C-alpha atoms as a PDB file:
ATOM      1  CA  UNK A   1      -0.279   0.015  -0.018  1.00  0.00           C
ATOM      2  CA  UNK A   2       1.489   3.654  -0.912  1.00  0.00           C
ATOM      3  CA  UNK A   3       0.197   6.469   0.421  1.00  0.00           C
ATOM      4  CA  UNK A   4       0.270  10.124   0.661  1.00  0.00           C
ATOM      5  CA  UNK A   5      -1.208  13.235   1.715  1.00  0.00           C
ATOM      6  CA  UNK A   6      -1.772  15.541  -1.112  1.00  0.00           C
ATOM      7  CA  UNK A   7      -3.724  19.199   0.581  1.00  0.00           C
ATOM      8  CA  UNK A   8      -3.842  20.395   3.532  1.00  0.00           C
ATOM      9  CA  UNK A   9      -6.677  22.892   3.841  1.00  0.00           C
ATOM     10  CA  UNK A  10      -5.841  26.595   4.898  1.00  0.00           C
ATOM     11  CA  UNK A  11      -8.697  28.398   5.869  1.00  0.00           C
ATOM     12  CA  UNK A  12      -8.373  32.098   4.704  1.00  0.00           C
ATOM     13  CA  UNK A  13      -9.613  35.760   4.486  1.00  0.00           C
ATOM     14  CA  UNK A  14      -9.704  36.323   1.264  1.00  0.00           C
ATOM     15  CA  UNK A  15      -8.127  34.352  -2.055  1.00  0.00           C
ATOM     16  CA  UNK A  16      -5.968  37.093  -3.286  1.00  0.00           C
ATOM     17  CA  UNK A  17      -4.737  37.936  -0.343  1.00  0.00           C
ATOM     18  CA  UNK A  18      -3.733  34.674   0.562  1.00  0.00           C
ATOM     19  CA  UNK A  19      -1.852  34.101  -2.778  1.00  0.00           C
ATOM     20  CA  UNK A  20       0.485  37.375  -2.093  1.00  0.00           C
ATOM     21  CA  UNK A  21       1.570  36.231   0.639  1.00  0.00           C
ATOM     22  CA  UNK A  22       2.101  32.814  -0.071  1.00  0.00           C
ATOM     23  CA  UNK A  23       3.876  33.331  -3.438  1.00  0.00           C
ATOM     24  CA  UNK A  24       5.438  36.890  -2.371  1.00  0.00           C
ATOM     25  CA  UNK A  25       6.706  36.476   1.724  1.00  0.00           C
ATOM     26  CA  UNK A  26       7.404  32.492   1.586  1.00  0.00           C
ATOM     27  CA  UNK A  27       8.182  32.691  -2.326  1.00  0.00           C
ATOM     28  CA  UNK A  28       6.034  29.957  -2.880  1.00  0.00           C
ATOM     29  CA  UNK A  29       4.690  28.686  -6.110  1.00  0.00           C
ATOM     30  CA  UNK A  30       0.759  29.391  -7.024  1.00  0.00           C
ATOM     31  CA  UNK A  31      -0.237  25.562  -8.387  1.00  0.00           C
ATOM     32  CA  UNK A  32      -3.733  25.777  -9.775  1.00  0.00           C
ATOM     33  CA  UNK A  33      -6.654  28.958  -9.332  1.00  0.00           C
ATOM     34  CA  UNK A  34      -9.537  27.532 -10.856  1.00  0.00           C
ATOM     35  CA  UNK A  35     -12.847  29.514 -10.141  1.00  0.00           C
ATOM     36  CA  UNK A  36     -15.745  26.957  -9.269  1.00  0.00           C
ATOM     37  CA  UNK A  37     -18.375  29.495  -8.525  1.00  0.00           C
ATOM     38  CA  UNK A  38     -19.044  33.001  -7.805  1.00  0.00           C
ATOM     39  CA  UNK A  39     -17.439  32.686  -4.482  1.00  0.00           C
ATOM     40  CA  UNK A  40     -15.622  29.361  -4.408  1.00  0.00           C
ATOM     41  CA  UNK A  41     -11.831  28.799  -6.117  1.00  0.00           C
ATOM     42  CA  UNK A  42      -9.874  26.004  -5.831  1.00  0.00           C
ATOM     43  CA  UNK A  43      -6.310  27.987  -4.980  1.00  0.00           C
ATOM     44  CA  UNK A  44      -3.572  25.318  -4.290  1.00  0.00           C
ATOM     45  CA  UNK A  45      -0.072  26.323  -3.520  1.00  0.00           C
ATOM     46  CA  UNK A  46       2.915  24.629  -2.439  1.00  0.00           C
ATOM     47  CA  UNK A  47       6.730  25.820  -1.317  1.00  0.00           C
ATOM     48  CA  UNK A  48       9.220  25.128  -4.528  1.00  0.00           C
ATOM     49  CA  UNK A  49      11.271  21.724  -3.776  1.00  0.00           C
ATOM     50  CA  UNK A  50       9.285  18.279  -3.734  1.00  0.00           C
ATOM     51  CA  UNK A  51       5.809  19.525  -4.153  1.00  0.00           C
ATOM     52  CA  UNK A  52       4.967  16.659  -2.640  1.00  0.00           C
ATOM     53  CA  UNK A  53       2.391  18.118  -0.162  1.00  0.00           C
ATOM     54  CA  UNK A  54       0.055  21.714  -1.594  1.00  0.00           C
ATOM     55  CA  UNK A  55      -1.978  23.948   0.372  1.00  0.00           C
ATOM     56  CA  UNK A  56      -5.031  24.122   0.035  1.00  0.00           C
ATOM     57  CA  UNK A  57      -6.564  27.868   0.356  1.00  0.00           C
ATOM     58  CA  UNK A  58      -9.502  27.704   1.580  1.00  0.00           C
ATOM     59  CA  UNK A  59     -12.256  30.751   1.909  1.00  0.00           C
ATOM     60  CA  UNK A  60     -14.057  30.443   4.761  1.00  0.00           C
ATOM     61  CA  UNK A  61     -17.802  30.460   3.846  1.00  0.00           C
ATOM     62  CA  UNK A  62     -19.559  30.920   6.922  1.00  0.00           C
ATOM     63  CA  UNK A  63     -19.232  32.957  10.121  1.00  0.00           C
ATOM     64  CA  UNK A  64     -17.812  29.521  12.076  1.00  0.00           C
ATOM     65  CA  UNK A  65     -15.111  28.699   9.374  1.00  0.00           C
ATOM     66  CA  UNK A  66     -14.154  32.026   9.017  1.00  0.00           C
ATOM     67  CA  UNK A  67     -13.990  32.093  13.695  1.00  0.00           C
ATOM     68  CA  UNK A  68     -11.041  29.471  12.762  1.00  0.00           C
ATOM     69  CA  UNK A  69      -8.713  31.502  10.274  1.00  0.00           C
ATOM     70  CA  UNK A  70      -5.313  32.065  11.991  1.00  0.00           C
ATOM     71  CA  UNK A  71      -6.016  29.642  14.720  1.00  0.00           C
ATOM     72  CA  UNK A  72      -7.413  26.014  13.501  1.00  0.00           C
ATOM     73  CA  UNK A  73      -4.560  24.137  16.007  1.00  0.00           C
ATOM     74  CA  UNK A  74      -6.178  25.413  18.954  1.00  0.00           C
ATOM     75  CA  UNK A  75      -2.581  28.449  19.763  1.00  0.00           C
ATOM     76  CA  UNK A  76      -0.445  25.015  18.373  1.00  0.00           C
ATOM     77  CA  UNK A  77       2.773  25.060  15.411  1.00  0.00           C
ATOM     78  CA  UNK A  78       0.036  24.354  12.840  1.00  0.00           C
ATOM     79  CA  UNK A  79       2.921  23.785   9.595  1.00  0.00           C
ATOM     80  CA  UNK A  80       6.135  23.463   9.313  1.00  0.00           C
ATOM     81  CA  UNK A  81       8.305  24.347   6.392  1.00  0.00           C
ATOM     82  CA  UNK A  82      11.772  22.876   6.233  1.00  0.00           C
ATOM     83  CA  UNK A  83      14.389  24.349   4.698  1.00  0.00           C
ATOM     84  CA  UNK A  84      18.014  23.721   3.542  1.00  0.00           C
ATOM     85  CA  UNK A  85      19.253  27.047   4.509  1.00  0.00           C
ATOM     86  CA  UNK A  86      17.773  27.618   7.866  1.00  0.00           C
ATOM     87  CA  UNK A  87      19.850  31.428   8.677  1.00  0.00           C
ATOM     88  CA  UNK A  88      19.230  32.510   4.754  1.00  0.00           C
ATOM     89  CA  UNK A  89      15.593  31.599   4.507  1.00  0.00           C
ATOM     90  CA  UNK A  90      15.334  32.971   8.301  1.00  0.00           C
ATOM     91  CA  UNK A  91      16.816  36.246   7.259  1.00  0.00           C
ATOM     92  CA  UNK A  92      15.042  36.692   4.712  1.00  0.00           C
ATOM     93  CA  UNK A  93      11.932  36.218   5.536  1.00  0.00           C
ATOM     94  CA  UNK A  94      12.965  39.006   8.509  1.00  0.00           C
ATOM     95  CA  UNK A  95      13.811  41.875   6.226  1.00  0.00           C
ATOM     96  CA  UNK A  96      10.301  41.278   4.156  1.00  0.00           C
ATOM     97  CA  UNK A  97       8.537  41.619   7.958  1.00  0.00           C
ATOM     98  CA  UNK A  98       7.081  38.112   9.035  1.00  0.00           C
ATOM     99  CA  UNK A  99       6.877  37.980  12.549  1.00  0.00           C
ATOM    100  CA  UNK A 100       8.753  35.834  14.667  1.00  0.00           C
ATOM    101  CA  UNK A 101       7.579  34.636  18.018  1.00  0.00           C
ATOM    102  CA  UNK A 102       9.918  32.380  18.705  1.00  0.00           C
ATOM    103  CA  UNK A 103      13.843  32.738  17.626  1.00  0.00           C
ATOM    104  CA  UNK A 104      16.403  30.834  16.028  1.00  0.00           C
ATOM    105  CA  UNK A 105      17.455  27.367  18.515  1.00  0.00           C
ATOM    106  CA  UNK A 106      19.431  24.218  17.467  1.00  0.00           C
ATOM    107  CA  UNK A 107      17.515  21.795  18.754  1.00  0.00           C
ATOM    108  CA  UNK A 108      18.508  17.747  18.729  1.00  0.00           C
ATOM    109  CA  UNK A 109      16.343  17.668  14.894  1.00  0.00           C
ATOM    110  CA  UNK A 110      17.607  20.808  13.800  1.00  0.00           C
ATOM    111  CA  UNK A 111      17.423  24.385  13.601  1.00  0.00           C
ATOM    112  CA  UNK A 112      13.771  25.666  14.699  1.00  0.00           C
ATOM    113  CA  UNK A 113      12.191  29.073  14.385  1.00  0.00           C
ATOM    114  CA  UNK A 114       8.118  29.867  14.762  1.00  0.00           C
ATOM    115  CA  UNK A 115       6.463  32.191  12.808  1.00  0.00           C
ATOM    116  CA  UNK A 116       3.189  33.504  11.728  1.00  0.00           C
ATOM    117  CA  UNK A 117       1.938  33.545   8.315  1.00  0.00           C
ATOM    118  CA  UNK A 118      -0.670  36.353   7.602  1.00  0.00           C
ATOM    119  CA  UNK A 119      -3.508  35.607   9.382  1.00  0.00           C
ATOM    120  CA  UNK A 120      -1.580  34.092  13.071  1.00  0.00           C
ATOM    121  CA  UNK A 121      -1.052  30.277  11.957  1.00  0.00           C
ATOM    122  CA  UNK A 122       2.023  29.322  13.859  1.00  0.00           C
ATOM    123  CA  UNK A 123       4.976  27.718  11.436  1.00  0.00           C
ATOM    124  CA  UNK A 124       7.462  26.499  12.088  1.00  0.00           C
ATOM    125  CA  UNK A 125      10.779  27.138   9.723  1.00  0.00           C
ATOM    126  CA  UNK A 126      13.053  24.207  10.478  1.00  0.00           C
ATOM    127  CA  UNK A 127      16.876  23.106   8.560  1.00  0.00           C
ATOM    128  CA  UNK A 128      16.827  19.424   9.740  1.00  0.00           C
ATOM    129  CA  UNK A 129      20.223  18.129  11.026  1.00  0.00           C
ATOM    130  CA  UNK A 130      20.741  15.604   8.407  1.00  0.00           C
ATOM    131  CA  UNK A 131      19.895  18.842   6.013  1.00  0.00           C
ATOM    132  CA  UNK A 132      18.015  16.698   3.378  1.00  0.00           C
ATOM    133  CA  UNK A 133      15.548  18.843   3.567  1.00  0.00           C
END
């Protein structure tokens, strides 16, 4: 049996502002942006690299979904962005205004810092000790 996670839904306030953040600030690739209806689009972005998993940017459709924007995991780190050069990406992200809420630290698994996306979701930026991203 072979399985993999293809997409992770991320609830967003607005498609275009989310696309702008992920493609311009985090340098993700826009994989797909297909209009499904007057209010719904299928929007996939992914980090440059192996492309195994994409974020599905899902615009909140009601008040309950809107209440989850920026806090899909109750304040825990939600997503993990691995890099082949931690300090290159950390310094670049800081220079363009990405907010880091925990400074870099060296852990047994690698170098890590926690940042917020445009909605406040927490992410780990990680360079694995093995550096195989």
